[in-house]
Amino acid sequence: MIWSGLAPVLCGFVQFFGHGIYVNIKLKSFYNPGVATNVFGWITIGVVYIHLILINNMMDLWIWLFAVAWMTVFFFLNFILIEQIFLGNKNSPYPFDPDEMKRFNVEKKLELTKQ
């Protein structure tokens, strides 16, 4: 059952590229709220989890492969299918509140990235 914990831990490491790099490039900023959650939550827990399973010799190559496969399925279902296809609809009945989009000049920064 190690793979069932390893897959979300690996997701947390991959999310660093989304929250820590991609979003900040798009918003031309150094920080966004997802960075703190990722660095102090997911990555910290992930490092401890992987350290414990490695020092206790609890896994082999097949567990790593299965965890990566499960992480890939999870990413597709969650981030591509749900977030991008279902919730990413510009005509969604649940848009972001206009006040939220005006904070920190997000609206202006997103307009600049479209050019």
PDB file of N, CA and C in Angstrom:
ATOM      1  N   MET A   1       0.803  -1.204   0.000  1.00  0.00           N
ATOM      2  CA  MET A   1       0.000   0.000   0.000  1.00  0.00           C
ATOM      3  C   MET A   1       0.850   1.274   0.000  1.00  0.00           C
ATOM      4  N   ILE A   2       2.161   1.127  -0.034  1.00  0.00           N
ATOM      5  CA  ILE A   2       3.043   2.286  -0.050  1.00  0.00           C
ATOM      6  C   ILE A   2       2.736   3.185  -1.256  1.00  0.00           C
ATOM      7  N   TRP A   3       2.432   2.591  -2.402  1.00  0.00           N
ATOM      8  CA  TRP A   3       2.157   3.355  -3.617  1.00  0.00           C
ATOM      9  C   TRP A   3       0.993   4.323  -3.440  1.00  0.00           C
ATOM     10  N   SER A   4       0.005   3.946  -2.597  1.00  0.00           N
ATOM     11  CA  SER A   4      -1.173   4.802  -2.424  1.00  0.00           C
ATOM     12  C   SER A   4      -0.829   6.094  -1.684  1.00  0.00           C
ATOM     13  N   GLY A   5       0.240   6.098  -0.922  1.00  0.00           N
ATOM     14  CA  GLY A   5       0.715   7.327  -0.290  1.00  0.00           C
ATOM     15  C   GLY A   5       1.762   8.024  -1.140  1.00  0.00           C
ATOM     16  N   LEU A   6       2.525   7.242  -1.886  1.00  0.00           N
ATOM     17  CA  LEU A   6       3.592   7.804  -2.699  1.00  0.00           C
ATOM     18  C   LEU A   6       3.043   8.610  -3.880  1.00  0.00           C
ATOM     19  N   ALA A   7       1.943   8.164  -4.463  1.00  0.00           N
ATOM     20  CA  ALA A   7       1.369   8.870  -5.619  1.00  0.00           C
ATOM     21  C   ALA A   7       0.987  10.313  -5.285  1.00  0.00           C
ATOM     22  N   PRO A   8       0.233  10.589  -4.209  1.00  0.00           N
ATOM     23  CA  PRO A   8      -0.060  11.995  -3.904  1.00  0.00           C
ATOM     24  C   PRO A   8       1.175  12.784  -3.480  1.00  0.00           C
ATOM     25  N   VAL A   9       2.142  12.124  -2.875  1.00  0.00           N
ATOM     26  CA  VAL A   9       3.388  12.799  -2.516  1.00  0.00           C
ATOM     27  C   VAL A   9       4.093  13.263  -3.795  1.00  0.00           C
ATOM     28  N   LEU A  10       4.159  12.403  -4.787  1.00  0.00           N
ATOM     29  CA  LEU A  10       4.764  12.777  -6.061  1.00  0.00           C
ATOM     30  C   LEU A  10       3.970  13.896  -6.736  1.00  0.00           C
ATOM     31  N   CYS A  11       2.637  13.858  -6.612  1.00  0.00           N
ATOM     32  CA  CYS A  11       1.784  14.945  -7.135  1.00  0.00           C
ATOM     33  C   CYS A  11       2.192  16.269  -6.509  1.00  0.00           C
ATOM     34  N   GLY A  12       2.451  16.251  -5.229  1.00  0.00           N
ATOM     35  CA  GLY A  12       2.862  17.465  -4.535  1.00  0.00           C
ATOM     36  C   GLY A  12       4.156  18.023  -5.083  1.00  0.00           C
ATOM     37  N   PHE A  13       5.104  17.139  -5.406  1.00  0.00           N
ATOM     38  CA  PHE A  13       6.367  17.597  -5.990  1.00  0.00           C
ATOM     39  C   PHE A  13       6.135  18.196  -7.377  1.00  0.00           C
ATOM     40  N   VAL A  14       5.296  17.559  -8.168  1.00  0.00           N
ATOM     41  CA  VAL A  14       5.006  18.053  -9.511  1.00  0.00           C
ATOM     42  C   VAL A  14       4.257  19.387  -9.445  1.00  0.00           C
ATOM     43  N   GLN A  15       3.391  19.534  -8.453  1.00  0.00           N
ATOM     44  CA  GLN A  15       2.632  20.779  -8.327  1.00  0.00           C
ATOM     45  C   GLN A  15       3.532  21.983  -8.063  1.00  0.00           C
ATOM     46  N   PHE A  16       4.710  21.745  -7.539  1.00  0.00           N
ATOM     47  CA  PHE A  16       5.623  22.872  -7.323  1.00  0.00           C
ATOM     48  C   PHE A  16       5.890  23.610  -8.637  1.00  0.00           C
ATOM     49  N   PHE A  17       6.000  22.860  -9.729  1.00  0.00           N
ATOM     50  CA  PHE A  17       6.249  23.496 -11.022  1.00  0.00           C
ATOM     51  C   PHE A  17       5.055  24.337 -11.456  1.00  0.00           C
ATOM     52  N   GLY A  18       3.851  23.895 -11.109  1.00  0.00           N
ATOM     53  CA  GLY A  18       2.665  24.676 -11.435  1.00  0.00           C
ATOM     54  C   GLY A  18       2.524  25.897 -10.557  1.00  0.00           C
ATOM     55  N   HIS A  19       2.540  25.683  -9.239  1.00  0.00           N
ATOM     56  CA  HIS A  19       2.337  26.792  -8.300  1.00  0.00           C
ATOM     57  C   HIS A  19       3.580  27.657  -8.137  1.00  0.00           C
ATOM     58  N   GLY A  20       4.724  27.040  -8.071  1.00  0.00           N
ATOM     59  CA  GLY A  20       5.933  27.785  -7.771  1.00  0.00           C
ATOM     60  C   GLY A  20       6.587  28.438  -8.971  1.00  0.00           C
ATOM     61  N   ILE A  21       6.333  27.911 -10.165  1.00  0.00           N
ATOM     62  CA  ILE A  21       7.012  28.448 -11.339  1.00  0.00           C
ATOM     63  C   ILE A  21       6.012  28.990 -12.371  1.00  0.00           C
ATOM     64  N   TYR A  22       5.147  28.126 -12.904  1.00  0.00           N
ATOM     65  CA  TYR A  22       4.255  28.507 -13.997  1.00  0.00           C
ATOM     66  C   TYR A  22       3.325  29.668 -13.631  1.00  0.00           C
ATOM     67  N   VAL A  23       2.619  29.562 -12.510  1.00  0.00           N
ATOM     68  CA  VAL A  23       1.683  30.620 -12.117  1.00  0.00           C
ATOM     69  C   VAL A  23       2.424  31.928 -11.866  1.00  0.00           C
ATOM     70  N   ASN A  24       3.570  31.858 -11.240  1.00  0.00           N
ATOM     71  CA  ASN A  24       4.334  33.078 -10.977  1.00  0.00           C
ATOM     72  C   ASN A  24       4.849  33.720 -12.264  1.00  0.00           C
ATOM     73  N   ILE A  25       5.207  32.925 -13.246  1.00  0.00           N
ATOM     74  CA  ILE A  25       5.610  33.485 -14.541  1.00  0.00           C
ATOM     75  C   ILE A  25       4.418  34.182 -15.184  1.00  0.00           C
ATOM     76  N   LYS A  26       3.257  33.514 -15.180  1.00  0.00           N
ATOM     77  CA  LYS A  26       2.051  34.090 -15.780  1.00  0.00           C
ATOM     78  C   LYS A  26       1.641  35.386 -15.092  1.00  0.00           C
ATOM     79  N   LEU A  27       1.731  35.432 -13.760  1.00  0.00           N
ATOM     80  CA  LEU A  27       1.317  36.618 -13.016  1.00  0.00           C
ATOM     81  C   LEU A  27       2.458  37.613 -12.816  1.00  0.00           C
ATOM     82  N   LYS A  28       3.631  37.270 -13.327  1.00  0.00           N
ATOM     83  CA  LYS A  28       4.815  38.123 -13.156  1.00  0.00           C
ATOM     84  C   LYS A  28       4.997  38.493 -11.684  1.00  0.00           C
ATOM     85  N   SER A  29       4.986  37.465 -10.856  1.00  0.00           N
ATOM     86  CA  SER A  29       5.123  37.674  -9.411  1.00  0.00           C
ATOM     87  C   SER A  29       6.101  36.656  -8.840  1.00  0.00           C
ATOM     88  N   PHE A  30       6.465  36.888  -7.607  1.00  0.00           N
ATOM     89  CA  PHE A  30       7.370  35.973  -6.918  1.00  0.00           C
ATOM     90  C   PHE A  30       6.591  34.951  -6.094  1.00  0.00           C
ATOM     91  N   TYR A  31       5.371  35.318  -5.693  1.00  0.00           N
ATOM     92  CA  TYR A  31       4.611  34.496  -4.762  1.00  0.00           C
ATOM     93  C   TYR A  31       3.147  34.438  -5.152  1.00  0.00           C
ATOM     94  N   ASN A  32       2.521  33.299  -4.900  1.00  0.00           N
ATOM     95  CA  ASN A  32       1.068  33.158  -4.970  1.00  0.00           C
ATOM     96  C   ASN A  32       0.671  32.219  -3.845  1.00  0.00           C
ATOM     97  N   PRO A  33      -0.589  32.220  -3.409  1.00  0.00           N
ATOM     98  CA  PRO A  33      -0.975  31.431  -2.231  1.00  0.00           C
ATOM     99  C   PRO A  33      -0.662  29.938  -2.319  1.00  0.00           C
ATOM    100  N   GLY A  34      -0.634  29.376  -3.501  1.00  0.00           N
ATOM    101  CA  GLY A  34      -0.347  27.957  -3.635  1.00  0.00           C
ATOM    102  C   GLY A  34       1.087  27.582  -3.311  1.00  0.00           C
ATOM    103  N   VAL A  35       2.003  28.543  -3.380  1.00  0.00           N
ATOM    104  CA  VAL A  35       3.421  28.255  -3.116  1.00  0.00           C
ATOM    105  C   VAL A  35       3.626  27.831  -1.666  1.00  0.00           C
ATOM    106  N   ALA A  36       3.067  28.579  -0.722  1.00  0.00           N
ATOM    107  CA  ALA A  36       3.250  28.252   0.697  1.00  0.00           C
ATOM    108  C   ALA A  36       2.665  26.886   1.014  1.00  0.00           C
ATOM    109  N   THR A  37       1.475  26.625   0.509  1.00  0.00           N
ATOM    110  CA  THR A  37       0.840  25.322   0.742  1.00  0.00           C
ATOM    111  C   THR A  37       1.705  24.204   0.188  1.00  0.00           C
ATOM    112  N   ASN A  38       2.233  24.424  -0.999  1.00  0.00           N
ATOM    113  CA  ASN A  38       3.040  23.389  -1.626  1.00  0.00           C
ATOM    114  C   ASN A  38       4.351  23.170  -0.901  1.00  0.00           C
ATOM    115  N   VAL A  39       5.084  24.244  -0.634  1.00  0.00           N
ATOM    116  CA  VAL A  39       6.408  24.110  -0.030  1.00  0.00           C
ATOM    117  C   VAL A  39       6.332  23.636   1.418  1.00  0.00           C
ATOM    118  N   PHE A  40       5.460  24.263   2.215  1.00  0.00           N
ATOM    119  CA  PHE A  40       5.405  23.915   3.637  1.00  0.00           C
ATOM    120  C   PHE A  40       4.485  22.734   3.935  1.00  0.00           C
ATOM    121  N   GLY A  41       3.644  22.379   2.985  1.00  0.00           N
ATOM    122  CA  GLY A  41       2.748  21.243   3.176  1.00  0.00           C
ATOM    123  C   GLY A  41       3.201  20.026   2.398  1.00  0.00           C
ATOM    124  N   TRP A  42       2.916  20.033   1.091  1.00  0.00           N
ATOM    125  CA  TRP A  42       3.177  18.868   0.253  1.00  0.00           C
ATOM    126  C   TRP A  42       4.639  18.456   0.211  1.00  0.00           C
ATOM    127  N   ILE A  43       5.519  19.398  -0.034  1.00  0.00           N
ATOM    128  CA  ILE A  43       6.930  19.026  -0.185  1.00  0.00           C
ATOM    129  C   ILE A  43       7.520  18.558   1.148  1.00  0.00           C
ATOM    130  N   THR A  44       7.179  19.238   2.221  1.00  0.00           N
ATOM    131  CA  THR A  44       7.690  18.830   3.537  1.00  0.00           C
ATOM    132  C   THR A  44       7.211  17.427   3.892  1.00  0.00           C
ATOM    133  N   ILE A  45       5.927  17.180   3.737  1.00  0.00           N
ATOM    134  CA  ILE A  45       5.375  15.848   4.020  1.00  0.00           C
ATOM    135  C   ILE A  45       5.999  14.820   3.079  1.00  0.00           C
ATOM    136  N   GLY A  46       6.151  15.196   1.811  1.00  0.00           N
ATOM    137  CA  GLY A  46       6.709  14.277   0.820  1.00  0.00           C
ATOM    138  C   GLY A  46       8.131  13.862   1.122  1.00  0.00           C
ATOM    139  N   VAL A  47       8.941  14.805   1.526  1.00  0.00           N
ATOM    140  CA  VAL A  47      10.341  14.490   1.852  1.00  0.00           C
ATOM    141  C   VAL A  47      10.397  13.522   3.031  1.00  0.00           C
ATOM    142  N   VAL A  48       9.600  13.776   4.052  1.00  0.00           N
ATOM    143  CA  VAL A  48       9.577  12.885   5.227  1.00  0.00           C
ATOM    144  C   VAL A  48       9.067  11.505   4.834  1.00  0.00           C
ATOM    145  N   TYR A  49       7.985  11.455   4.039  1.00  0.00           N
ATOM    146  CA  TYR A  49       7.406  10.173   3.610  1.00  0.00           C
ATOM    147  C   TYR A  49       8.427   9.340   2.829  1.00  0.00           C
ATOM    148  N   ILE A  50       9.036   9.954   1.841  1.00  0.00           N
ATOM    149  CA  ILE A  50      10.011   9.218   1.028  1.00  0.00           C
ATOM    150  C   ILE A  50      11.227   8.814   1.862  1.00  0.00           C
ATOM    151  N   HIS A  51      11.680   9.692   2.736  1.00  0.00           N
ATOM    152  CA  HIS A  51      12.809   9.358   3.615  1.00  0.00           C
ATOM    153  C   HIS A  51      12.488   8.121   4.459  1.00  0.00           C
ATOM    154  N   LEU A  52      11.298   8.093   5.053  1.00  0.00           N
ATOM    155  CA  LEU A  52      10.926   6.957   5.909  1.00  0.00           C
ATOM    156  C   LEU A  52      10.815   5.654   5.135  1.00  0.00           C
ATOM    157  N   ILE A  53      10.221   5.698   3.942  1.00  0.00           N
ATOM    158  CA  ILE A  53      10.094   4.436   3.206  1.00  0.00           C
ATOM    159  C   ILE A  53      11.434   3.974   2.644  1.00  0.00           C
ATOM    160  N   LEU A  54      12.339   4.904   2.368  1.00  0.00           N
ATOM    161  CA  LEU A  54      13.657   4.501   1.871  1.00  0.00           C
ATOM    162  C   LEU A  54      14.536   3.929   2.983  1.00  0.00           C
ATOM    163  N   ILE A  55      14.572   4.588   4.154  1.00  0.00           N
ATOM    164  CA  ILE A  55      15.451   4.083   5.222  1.00  0.00           C
ATOM    165  C   ILE A  55      14.938   2.772   5.806  1.00  0.00           C
ATOM    166  N   ASN A  56      13.628   2.518   5.668  1.00  0.00           N
ATOM    167  CA  ASN A  56      13.061   1.260   6.160  1.00  0.00           C
ATOM    168  C   ASN A  56      12.978   0.205   5.059  1.00  0.00           C
ATOM    169  N   ASN A  57      13.544   0.535   3.884  1.00  0.00           N
ATOM    170  CA  ASN A  57      13.605  -0.429   2.779  1.00  0.00           C
ATOM    171  C   ASN A  57      12.226  -1.025   2.473  1.00  0.00           C
ATOM    172  N   MET A  58      11.232  -0.162   2.325  1.00  0.00           N
ATOM    173  CA  MET A  58       9.843  -0.601   2.176  1.00  0.00           C
ATOM    174  C   MET A  58       9.345  -0.620   0.734  1.00  0.00           C
ATOM    175  N   MET A  59      10.210  -0.329  -0.231  1.00  0.00           N
ATOM    176  CA  MET A  59       9.704  -0.304  -1.598  1.00  0.00           C
ATOM    177  C   MET A  59      10.742  -0.764  -2.603  1.00  0.00           C
ATOM    178  N   ASP A  60      10.235  -1.118  -3.786  1.00  0.00           N
ATOM    179  CA  ASP A  60      11.114  -1.524  -4.875  1.00  0.00           C
ATOM    180  C   ASP A  60      10.708  -0.768  -6.139  1.00  0.00           C
ATOM    181  N   LEU A  61      11.301  -1.123  -7.266  1.00  0.00           N
ATOM    182  CA  LEU A  61      11.048  -0.420  -8.519  1.00  0.00           C
ATOM    183  C   LEU A  61       9.577  -0.483  -8.926  1.00  0.00           C
ATOM    184  N   TRP A  62       8.908  -1.623  -8.699  1.00  0.00           N
ATOM    185  CA  TRP A  62       7.509  -1.776  -9.104  1.00  0.00           C
ATOM    186  C   TRP A  62       6.590  -0.824  -8.339  1.00  0.00           C
ATOM    187  N   ILE A  63       6.900  -0.595  -7.090  1.00  0.00           N
ATOM    188  CA  ILE A  63       6.090   0.348  -6.307  1.00  0.00           C
ATOM    189  C   ILE A  63       6.262   1.757  -6.857  1.00  0.00           C
ATOM    190  N   TRP A  64       7.492   2.135  -7.192  1.00  0.00           N
ATOM    191  CA  TRP A  64       7.726   3.451  -7.802  1.00  0.00           C
ATOM    192  C   TRP A  64       6.957   3.577  -9.115  1.00  0.00           C
ATOM    193  N   LEU A  65       7.037   2.556  -9.956  1.00  0.00           N
ATOM    194  CA  LEU A  65       6.349   2.597 -11.249  1.00  0.00           C
ATOM    195  C   LEU A  65       4.835   2.674 -11.078  1.00  0.00           C
ATOM    196  N   PHE A  66       4.290   1.889 -10.155  1.00  0.00           N
ATOM    197  CA  PHE A  66       2.850   1.902  -9.918  1.00  0.00           C
ATOM    198  C   PHE A  66       2.417   3.263  -9.366  1.00  0.00           C
ATOM    199  N   ALA A  67       3.217   3.841  -8.474  1.00  0.00           N
ATOM    200  CA  ALA A  67       2.893   5.152  -7.902  1.00  0.00           C
ATOM    201  C   ALA A  67       2.915   6.230  -8.986  1.00  0.00           C
ATOM    202  N   VAL A  68       3.878   6.186  -9.874  1.00  0.00           N
ATOM    203  CA  VAL A  68       3.944   7.165 -10.967  1.00  0.00           C
ATOM    204  C   VAL A  68       2.756   6.985 -11.908  1.00  0.00           C
ATOM    205  N   ALA A  69       2.383   5.738 -12.194  1.00  0.00           N
ATOM    206  CA  ALA A  69       1.218   5.483 -13.048  1.00  0.00           C
ATOM    207  C   ALA A  69      -0.053   6.015 -12.395  1.00  0.00           C
ATOM    208  N   TRP A  70      -0.232   5.752 -11.100  1.00  0.00           N
ATOM    209  CA  TRP A  70      -1.420   6.231 -10.396  1.00  0.00           C
ATOM    210  C   TRP A  70      -1.430   7.756 -10.331  1.00  0.00           C
ATOM    211  N   MET A  71      -0.271   8.365 -10.123  1.00  0.00           N
ATOM    212  CA  MET A  71      -0.184   9.821 -10.099  1.00  0.00           C
ATOM    213  C   MET A  71      -0.594  10.389 -11.459  1.00  0.00           C
ATOM    214  N   THR A  72      -0.181   9.764 -12.538  1.00  0.00           N
ATOM    215  CA  THR A  72      -0.523  10.217 -13.881  1.00  0.00           C
ATOM    216  C   THR A  72      -2.033  10.148 -14.105  1.00  0.00           C
ATOM    217  N   VAL A  73      -2.650   9.057 -13.688  1.00  0.00           N
ATOM    218  CA  VAL A  73      -4.112   8.923 -13.794  1.00  0.00           C
ATOM    219  C   VAL A  73      -4.795  10.001 -12.967  1.00  0.00           C
ATOM    220  N   PHE A  74      -4.322  10.214 -11.744  1.00  0.00           N
ATOM    221  CA  PHE A  74      -4.905  11.225 -10.864  1.00  0.00           C
ATOM    222  C   PHE A  74      -4.785  12.620 -11.481  1.00  0.00           C
ATOM    223  N   PHE A  75      -3.605  12.936 -12.008  1.00  0.00           N
ATOM    224  CA  PHE A  75      -3.411  14.244 -12.637  1.00  0.00           C
ATOM    225  C   PHE A  75      -4.371  14.432 -13.797  1.00  0.00           C
ATOM    226  N   PHE A  76      -4.507  13.411 -14.627  1.00  0.00           N
ATOM    227  CA  PHE A  76      -5.422  13.527 -15.762  1.00  0.00           C
ATOM    228  C   PHE A  76      -6.852  13.754 -15.285  1.00  0.00           C
ATOM    229  N   LEU A  77      -7.306  12.925 -14.356  1.00  0.00           N
ATOM    230  CA  LEU A  77      -8.689  13.050 -13.880  1.00  0.00           C
ATOM    231  C   LEU A  77      -8.946  14.381 -13.194  1.00  0.00           C
ATOM    232  N   ASN A  78      -8.044  14.779 -12.327  1.00  0.00           N
ATOM    233  CA  ASN A  78      -8.270  15.971 -11.528  1.00  0.00           C
ATOM    234  C   ASN A  78      -7.952  17.265 -12.281  1.00  0.00           C
ATOM    235  N   PHE A  79      -6.754  17.387 -12.789  1.00  0.00           N
ATOM    236  CA  PHE A  79      -6.314  18.660 -13.343  1.00  0.00           C
ATOM    237  C   PHE A  79      -6.719  18.874 -14.797  1.00  0.00           C
ATOM    238  N   ILE A  80      -6.792  17.825 -15.568  1.00  0.00           N
ATOM    239  CA  ILE A  80      -7.166  17.999 -16.972  1.00  0.00           C
ATOM    240  C   ILE A  80      -8.676  17.879 -17.127  1.00  0.00           C
ATOM    241  N   LEU A  81      -9.228  16.753 -16.745  1.00  0.00           N
ATOM    242  CA  LEU A  81     -10.650  16.510 -16.965  1.00  0.00           C
ATOM    243  C   LEU A  81     -11.529  17.449 -16.143  1.00  0.00           C
ATOM    244  N   ILE A  82     -11.315  17.509 -14.855  1.00  0.00           N
ATOM    245  CA  ILE A  82     -12.196  18.312 -14.002  1.00  0.00           C
ATOM    246  C   ILE A  82     -11.883  19.799 -14.099  1.00  0.00           C
ATOM    247  N   GLU A  83     -10.636  20.191 -13.826  1.00  0.00           N
ATOM    248  CA  GLU A  83     -10.318  21.620 -13.792  1.00  0.00           C
ATOM    249  C   GLU A  83     -10.341  22.277 -15.166  1.00  0.00           C
ATOM    250  N   GLN A  84      -9.719  21.681 -16.147  1.00  0.00           N
ATOM    251  CA  GLN A  84      -9.611  22.336 -17.446  1.00  0.00           C
ATOM    252  C   GLN A  84     -10.864  22.180 -18.305  1.00  0.00           C
ATOM    253  N   ILE A  85     -11.438  20.990 -18.331  1.00  0.00           N
ATOM    254  CA  ILE A  85     -12.568  20.757 -19.231  1.00  0.00           C
ATOM    255  C   ILE A  85     -13.892  21.159 -18.581  1.00  0.00           C
ATOM    256  N   PHE A  86     -14.158  20.652 -17.373  1.00  0.00           N
ATOM    257  CA  PHE A  86     -15.453  20.947 -16.753  1.00  0.00           C
ATOM    258  C   PHE A  86     -15.511  22.316 -16.102  1.00  0.00           C
ATOM    259  N   LEU A  87     -14.501  22.668 -15.306  1.00  0.00           N
ATOM    260  CA  LEU A  87     -14.529  23.936 -14.579  1.00  0.00           C
ATOM    261  C   LEU A  87     -13.872  25.074 -15.348  1.00  0.00           C
ATOM    262  N   GLY A  88     -13.126  24.765 -16.388  1.00  0.00           N
ATOM    263  CA  GLY A  88     -12.435  25.795 -17.153  1.00  0.00           C
ATOM    264  C   GLY A  88     -13.299  26.454 -18.218  1.00  0.00           C
ATOM    265  N   ASN A  89     -14.561  26.139 -18.240  1.00  0.00           N
ATOM    266  CA  ASN A  89     -15.483  26.701 -19.215  1.00  0.00           C
ATOM    267  C   ASN A  89     -15.693  28.191 -18.944  1.00  0.00           C
ATOM    268  N   LYS A  90     -15.435  29.046 -19.942  1.00  0.00           N
ATOM    269  CA  LYS A  90     -15.596  30.493 -19.756  1.00  0.00           C
ATOM    270  C   LYS A  90     -17.052  30.887 -19.545  1.00  0.00           C
ATOM    271  N   ASN A  91     -17.979  30.032 -19.929  1.00  0.00           N
ATOM    272  CA  ASN A  91     -19.398  30.314 -19.742  1.00  0.00           C
ATOM    273  C   ASN A  91     -19.957  29.588 -18.520  1.00  0.00           C
ATOM    274  N   SER A  92     -19.088  29.251 -17.603  1.00  0.00           N
ATOM    275  CA  SER A  92     -19.493  28.525 -16.397  1.00  0.00           C
ATOM    276  C   SER A  92     -20.493  29.340 -15.577  1.00  0.00           C
ATOM    277  N   PRO A  93     -21.458  28.673 -14.957  1.00  0.00           N
ATOM    278  CA  PRO A  93     -22.387  29.386 -14.083  1.00  0.00           C
ATOM    279  C   PRO A  93     -21.733  29.765 -12.748  1.00  0.00           C
ATOM    280  N   TYR A  94     -20.475  29.384 -12.551  1.00  0.00           N
ATOM    281  CA  TYR A  94     -19.758  29.669 -11.302  1.00  0.00           C
ATOM    282  C   TYR A  94     -18.476  30.453 -11.581  1.00  0.00           C
ATOM    283  N   PRO A  95     -18.574  31.664 -12.105  1.00  0.00           N
ATOM    284  CA  PRO A  95     -17.352  32.420 -12.403  1.00  0.00           C
ATOM    285  C   PRO A  95     -16.703  32.944 -11.126  1.00  0.00           C
ATOM    286  N   PHE A  96     -15.436  33.341 -11.261  1.00  0.00           N
ATOM    287  CA  PHE A  96     -14.767  34.004 -10.143  1.00  0.00           C
ATOM    288  C   PHE A  96     -15.464  35.326  -9.872  1.00  0.00           C
ATOM    289  N   ASP A  97     -15.543  35.698  -8.630  1.00  0.00           N
ATOM    290  CA  ASP A  97     -16.112  36.981  -8.262  1.00  0.00           C
ATOM    291  C   ASP A  97     -15.232  38.091  -8.838  1.00  0.00           C
ATOM    292  N   PRO A  98     -15.820  39.114  -9.452  1.00  0.00           N
ATOM    293  CA  PRO A  98     -15.001  40.191 -10.039  1.00  0.00           C
ATOM    294  C   PRO A  98     -14.056  40.851  -9.030  1.00  0.00           C
ATOM    295  N   ASP A  99     -14.472  40.964  -7.777  1.00  0.00           N
ATOM    296  CA  ASP A  99     -13.586  41.551  -6.761  1.00  0.00           C
ATOM    297  C   ASP A  99     -12.322  40.715  -6.571  1.00  0.00           C
ATOM    298  N   GLU A 100     -12.472  39.399  -6.647  1.00  0.00           N
ATOM    299  CA  GLU A 100     -11.311  38.516  -6.499  1.00  0.00           C
ATOM    300  C   GLU A 100     -10.323  38.704  -7.649  1.00  0.00           C
ATOM    301  N   MET A 101     -10.835  38.899  -8.838  1.00  0.00           N
ATOM    302  CA  MET A 101      -9.961  39.048 -10.003  1.00  0.00           C
ATOM    303  C   MET A 101      -9.270  40.407 -10.038  1.00  0.00           C
ATOM    304  N   LYS A 102      -9.780  41.376  -9.295  1.00  0.00           N
ATOM    305  CA  LYS A 102      -9.170  42.708  -9.269  1.00  0.00           C
ATOM    306  C   LYS A 102      -8.071  42.830  -8.224  1.00  0.00           C
ATOM    307  N   ARG A 103      -8.037  41.915  -7.278  1.00  0.00           N
ATOM    308  CA  ARG A 103      -6.995  41.962  -6.249  1.00  0.00           C
ATOM    309  C   ARG A 103      -5.617  41.759  -6.864  1.00  0.00           C
ATOM    310  N   PHE A 104      -4.654  42.455  -6.346  1.00  0.00           N
ATOM    311  CA  PHE A 104      -3.248  42.303  -6.739  1.00  0.00           C
ATOM    312  C   PHE A 104      -3.023  42.495  -8.242  1.00  0.00           C
ATOM    313  N   ASN A 105      -3.910  43.241  -8.885  1.00  0.00           N
ATOM    314  CA  ASN A 105      -3.808  43.520 -10.330  1.00  0.00           C
ATOM    315  C   ASN A 105      -3.789  42.255 -11.186  1.00  0.00           C
ATOM    316  N   VAL A 106      -4.452  41.206 -10.744  1.00  0.00           N
ATOM    317  CA  VAL A 106      -4.464  39.940 -11.487  1.00  0.00           C
ATOM    318  C   VAL A 106      -5.053  40.132 -12.872  1.00  0.00           C
ATOM    319  N   GLU A 107      -6.152  40.879 -12.957  1.00  0.00           N
ATOM    320  CA  GLU A 107      -6.807  41.098 -14.243  1.00  0.00           C
ATOM    321  C   GLU A 107      -5.829  41.715 -15.252  1.00  0.00           C
ATOM    322  N   LYS A 108      -5.108  42.734 -14.825  1.00  0.00           N
ATOM    323  CA  LYS A 108      -4.164  43.427 -15.688  1.00  0.00           C
ATOM    324  C   LYS A 108      -3.009  42.503 -16.078  1.00  0.00           C
ATOM    325  N   LYS A 109      -2.513  41.736 -15.128  1.00  0.00           N
ATOM    326  CA  LYS A 109      -1.402  40.833 -15.400  1.00  0.00           C
ATOM    327  C   LYS A 109      -1.806  39.750 -16.381  1.00  0.00           C
ATOM    328  N   LEU A 110      -3.032  39.237 -16.257  1.00  0.00           N
ATOM    329  CA  LEU A 110      -3.495  38.199 -17.183  1.00  0.00           C
ATOM    330  C   LEU A 110      -3.703  38.771 -18.582  1.00  0.00           C
ATOM    331  N   GLU A 111      -4.119  40.007 -18.679  1.00  0.00           N
ATOM    332  CA  GLU A 111      -4.278  40.647 -19.986  1.00  0.00           C
ATOM    333  C   GLU A 111      -2.918  40.775 -20.684  1.00  0.00           C
ATOM    334  N   LEU A 112      -1.894  41.101 -19.923  1.00  0.00           N
ATOM    335  CA  LEU A 112      -0.558  41.237 -20.502  1.00  0.00           C
ATOM    336  C   LEU A 112      -0.040  39.922 -21.056  1.00  0.00           C
ATOM    337  N   THR A 113      -0.419  38.807 -20.432  1.00  0.00           N
ATOM    338  CA  THR A 113       0.071  37.501 -20.896  1.00  0.00           C
ATOM    339  C   THR A 113      -0.619  37.064 -22.178  1.00  0.00           C
ATOM    340  N   LYS A 114      -1.783  37.633 -22.491  1.00  0.00           N
ATOM    341  CA  LYS A 114      -2.514  37.263 -23.710  1.00  0.00           C
ATOM    342  C   LYS A 114      -1.897  37.917 -24.944  1.00  0.00           C
ATOM    343  N   GLN A 115      -1.127  38.979 -24.740  1.00  0.00           N
ATOM    344  CA  GLN A 115      -0.556  39.729 -25.879  1.00  0.00           C
ATOM    345  C   GLN A 115       0.639  39.027 -26.458  1.00  0.00           C
TER     346      GLN A 115
END
